[in-house]
Amino acid sequence: MLVTTDYLQPGDDIDQLLRGHGQGAIHRPTAGPRRTDEALSQFDGIHGAKMASEPVTAEKLDSAAHLNMIDRSGIGYDSIDVDAATARGIAVGNTPGVNHHAVA
């Protein structure tokens, strides 16, 4: 599972939950735009992704041969090309309310 959110850390409850279910977590938080080569290869060998608000474009999904799902951290899907994901059989979800403490 690729994790790009900066509030999820190696060893935290979510990381332990994933690992407890046999899922390795690869933490690659984003701090601004990624280099083009990094952005285009970020889904190589990845089956699932917990994404921050960075864009997930059709071009990025072209190299996502194994990707089955993307979970957007927060509400909405504005940073994900849902049509491109759907056309490739990739499920897209979000986590409304995940940042309600920070907003309050």
C-alpha atoms as a PDB file:
ATOM      1  CA  MET A   1       0.000   0.000   0.000  1.00  0.00           C
ATOM      2  CA  LEU A   2       1.426   3.347  -1.044  1.00  0.00           C
ATOM      3  CA  VAL A   3       0.806   6.031   1.603  1.00  0.00           C
ATOM      4  CA  THR A   4       1.411   9.659   0.582  1.00  0.00           C
ATOM      5  CA  THR A   5      -0.328  11.466   3.424  1.00  0.00           C
ATOM      6  CA  ASP A   6       2.005  13.274   5.804  1.00  0.00           C
ATOM      7  CA  TYR A   7      -0.021  12.526   8.932  1.00  0.00           C
ATOM      8  CA  LEU A   8       0.329   8.740   8.597  1.00  0.00           C
ATOM      9  CA  GLN A   9       3.723   7.526   9.743  1.00  0.00           C
ATOM     10  CA  PRO A  10       5.625   4.243   9.780  1.00  0.00           C
ATOM     11  CA  GLY A  11       4.794   2.394  12.989  1.00  0.00           C
ATOM     12  CA  ASP A  12       1.537   4.250  13.728  1.00  0.00           C
ATOM     13  CA  ASP A  13      -1.818   2.494  14.286  1.00  0.00           C
ATOM     14  CA  ILE A  14      -2.726   2.478  10.591  1.00  0.00           C
ATOM     15  CA  ASP A  15       0.698   1.155   9.596  1.00  0.00           C
ATOM     16  CA  GLN A  16       0.400  -1.623  12.181  1.00  0.00           C
ATOM     17  CA  LEU A  17      -3.147  -2.423  11.021  1.00  0.00           C
ATOM     18  CA  LEU A  18      -2.001  -2.732   7.404  1.00  0.00           C
ATOM     19  CA  ARG A  19       0.969  -4.887   8.340  1.00  0.00           C
ATOM     20  CA  GLY A  20      -1.235  -7.022  10.595  1.00  0.00           C
ATOM     21  CA  HIS A  21      -3.303  -7.841   7.513  1.00  0.00           C
ATOM     22  CA  GLY A  22      -0.264  -8.740   5.454  1.00  0.00           C
ATOM     23  CA  GLN A  23      -0.061  -5.398   3.670  1.00  0.00           C
ATOM     24  CA  GLY A  24       3.263  -3.650   3.444  1.00  0.00           C
ATOM     25  CA  ALA A  25       3.078   0.118   3.726  1.00  0.00           C
ATOM     26  CA  ILE A  26       5.349   2.251   1.584  1.00  0.00           C
ATOM     27  CA  HIS A  27       5.401   5.776   3.001  1.00  0.00           C
ATOM     28  CA  ARG A  28       6.188   8.481   0.459  1.00  0.00           C
ATOM     29  CA  PRO A  29       4.630  11.664   1.796  1.00  0.00           C
ATOM     30  CA  THR A  30       4.439  14.572  -0.568  1.00  0.00           C
ATOM     31  CA  ALA A  31       5.861  18.003   0.195  1.00  0.00           C
ATOM     32  CA  GLY A  32       5.098  19.876  -2.988  1.00  0.00           C
ATOM     33  CA  PRO A  33       5.088  18.634  -6.561  1.00  0.00           C
ATOM     34  CA  ARG A  34       6.998  15.451  -7.313  1.00  0.00           C
ATOM     35  CA  ARG A  35       9.600  15.268 -10.075  1.00  0.00           C
ATOM     36  CA  THR A  36       7.973  14.105 -13.307  1.00  0.00           C
ATOM     37  CA  ASP A  37       9.856  10.792 -13.379  1.00  0.00           C
ATOM     38  CA  GLU A  38       8.923  10.083  -9.754  1.00  0.00           C
ATOM     39  CA  ALA A  39       5.280  11.027 -10.310  1.00  0.00           C
ATOM     40  CA  LEU A  40       4.946   8.824 -13.381  1.00  0.00           C
ATOM     41  CA  SER A  41       6.453   5.792 -11.656  1.00  0.00           C
ATOM     42  CA  GLN A  42       4.896   6.164  -8.202  1.00  0.00           C
ATOM     43  CA  PHE A  43       2.382   3.348  -8.799  1.00  0.00           C
ATOM     44  CA  ASP A  44       4.907   0.824 -10.174  1.00  0.00           C
ATOM     45  CA  GLY A  45       4.204  -2.470  -8.411  1.00  0.00           C
ATOM     46  CA  ILE A  46       1.588  -0.835  -6.157  1.00  0.00           C
ATOM     47  CA  HIS A  47      -1.793  -2.518  -5.539  1.00  0.00           C
ATOM     48  CA  GLY A  48      -3.435   0.129  -3.344  1.00  0.00           C
ATOM     49  CA  ALA A  49      -2.833   3.766  -2.465  1.00  0.00           C
ATOM     50  CA  LYS A  50      -3.825   6.115   0.364  1.00  0.00           C
ATOM     51  CA  MET A  51      -3.312   9.469  -1.319  1.00  0.00           C
ATOM     52  CA  ALA A  52      -3.040  13.014  -0.048  1.00  0.00           C
ATOM     53  CA  SER A  53      -4.236  15.800  -2.329  1.00  0.00           C
ATOM     54  CA  GLU A  54      -1.604  15.415  -5.033  1.00  0.00           C
ATOM     55  CA  PRO A  55      -3.014  14.951  -8.533  1.00  0.00           C
ATOM     56  CA  VAL A  56      -3.635  11.448  -9.840  1.00  0.00           C
ATOM     57  CA  THR A  57      -3.840  11.877 -13.589  1.00  0.00           C
ATOM     58  CA  ALA A  58      -4.579   9.500 -16.450  1.00  0.00           C
ATOM     59  CA  GLU A  59      -0.911   9.741 -17.395  1.00  0.00           C
ATOM     60  CA  LYS A  60       0.143   8.529 -13.919  1.00  0.00           C
ATOM     61  CA  LEU A  61      -2.392   5.710 -14.077  1.00  0.00           C
ATOM     62  CA  ASP A  62      -0.961   4.483 -17.380  1.00  0.00           C
ATOM     63  CA  SER A  63       1.906   2.900 -15.428  1.00  0.00           C
ATOM     64  CA  ALA A  64      -0.335   1.533 -12.672  1.00  0.00           C
ATOM     65  CA  ALA A  65      -0.546  -2.030 -13.968  1.00  0.00           C
ATOM     66  CA  HIS A  66      -1.312  -3.550 -10.546  1.00  0.00           C
ATOM     67  CA  LEU A  67      -3.267  -0.728  -8.897  1.00  0.00           C
ATOM     68  CA  ASN A  68      -6.703  -1.854  -7.670  1.00  0.00           C
ATOM     69  CA  MET A  69      -7.784   1.031  -5.470  1.00  0.00           C
ATOM     70  CA  ILE A  70      -7.072   4.622  -4.509  1.00  0.00           C
ATOM     71  CA  ASP A  71      -8.346   6.059  -1.247  1.00  0.00           C
ATOM     72  CA  ARG A  72      -8.295   9.851  -1.189  1.00  0.00           C
ATOM     73  CA  SER A  73      -7.469  11.207   2.242  1.00  0.00           C
ATOM     74  CA  GLY A  74     -10.228  13.726   2.872  1.00  0.00           C
ATOM     75  CA  ILE A  75     -13.423  14.564   1.064  1.00  0.00           C
ATOM     76  CA  GLY A  76     -13.990  14.850  -2.638  1.00  0.00           C
ATOM     77  CA  TYR A  77     -12.232  13.455  -5.662  1.00  0.00           C
ATOM     78  CA  ASP A  78     -11.061  16.676  -7.286  1.00  0.00           C
ATOM     79  CA  SER A  79      -7.406  15.584  -7.350  1.00  0.00           C
ATOM     80  CA  ILE A  80      -8.131  12.179  -8.937  1.00  0.00           C
ATOM     81  CA  ASP A  81      -9.093  11.545 -12.549  1.00  0.00           C
ATOM     82  CA  VAL A  82     -11.976   9.268 -11.567  1.00  0.00           C
ATOM     83  CA  ASP A  83     -12.980   8.571 -15.181  1.00  0.00           C
ATOM     84  CA  ALA A  84      -9.437   7.397 -16.017  1.00  0.00           C
ATOM     85  CA  ALA A  85      -9.319   5.250 -12.870  1.00  0.00           C
ATOM     86  CA  THR A  86     -12.735   3.725 -13.565  1.00  0.00           C
ATOM     87  CA  ALA A  87     -11.776   2.950 -17.172  1.00  0.00           C
ATOM     88  CA  ARG A  88      -8.786   1.002 -15.804  1.00  0.00           C
ATOM     89  CA  GLY A  89     -10.861  -0.898 -13.219  1.00  0.00           C
ATOM     90  CA  ILE A  90      -9.398   1.040 -10.282  1.00  0.00           C
ATOM     91  CA  ALA A  91     -11.817   1.687  -7.419  1.00  0.00           C
ATOM     92  CA  VAL A  92     -11.712   5.190  -5.946  1.00  0.00           C
ATOM     93  CA  GLY A  93     -12.864   6.126  -2.453  1.00  0.00           C
ATOM     94  CA  ASN A  94     -12.390   8.891   0.069  1.00  0.00           C
ATOM     95  CA  THR A  95     -12.411   9.370   3.825  1.00  0.00           C
ATOM     96  CA  PRO A  96     -14.772  12.199   4.737  1.00  0.00           C
ATOM     97  CA  GLY A  97     -14.231  13.595   8.192  1.00  0.00           C
ATOM     98  CA  VAL A  98     -10.615  12.437   8.436  1.00  0.00           C
ATOM     99  CA  ASN A  99      -9.392  15.986   8.954  1.00  0.00           C
ATOM    100  CA  HIS A 100     -12.263  17.354  11.040  1.00  0.00           C
ATOM    101  CA  HIS A 101     -10.051  17.882  14.110  1.00  0.00           C
ATOM    102  CA  ALA A 102      -7.546  19.921  12.121  1.00  0.00           C
ATOM    103  CA  VAL A 103     -10.288  22.046  10.599  1.00  0.00           C
ATOM    104  CA  ALA A 104     -12.015  22.666  13.921  1.00  0.00           C
END
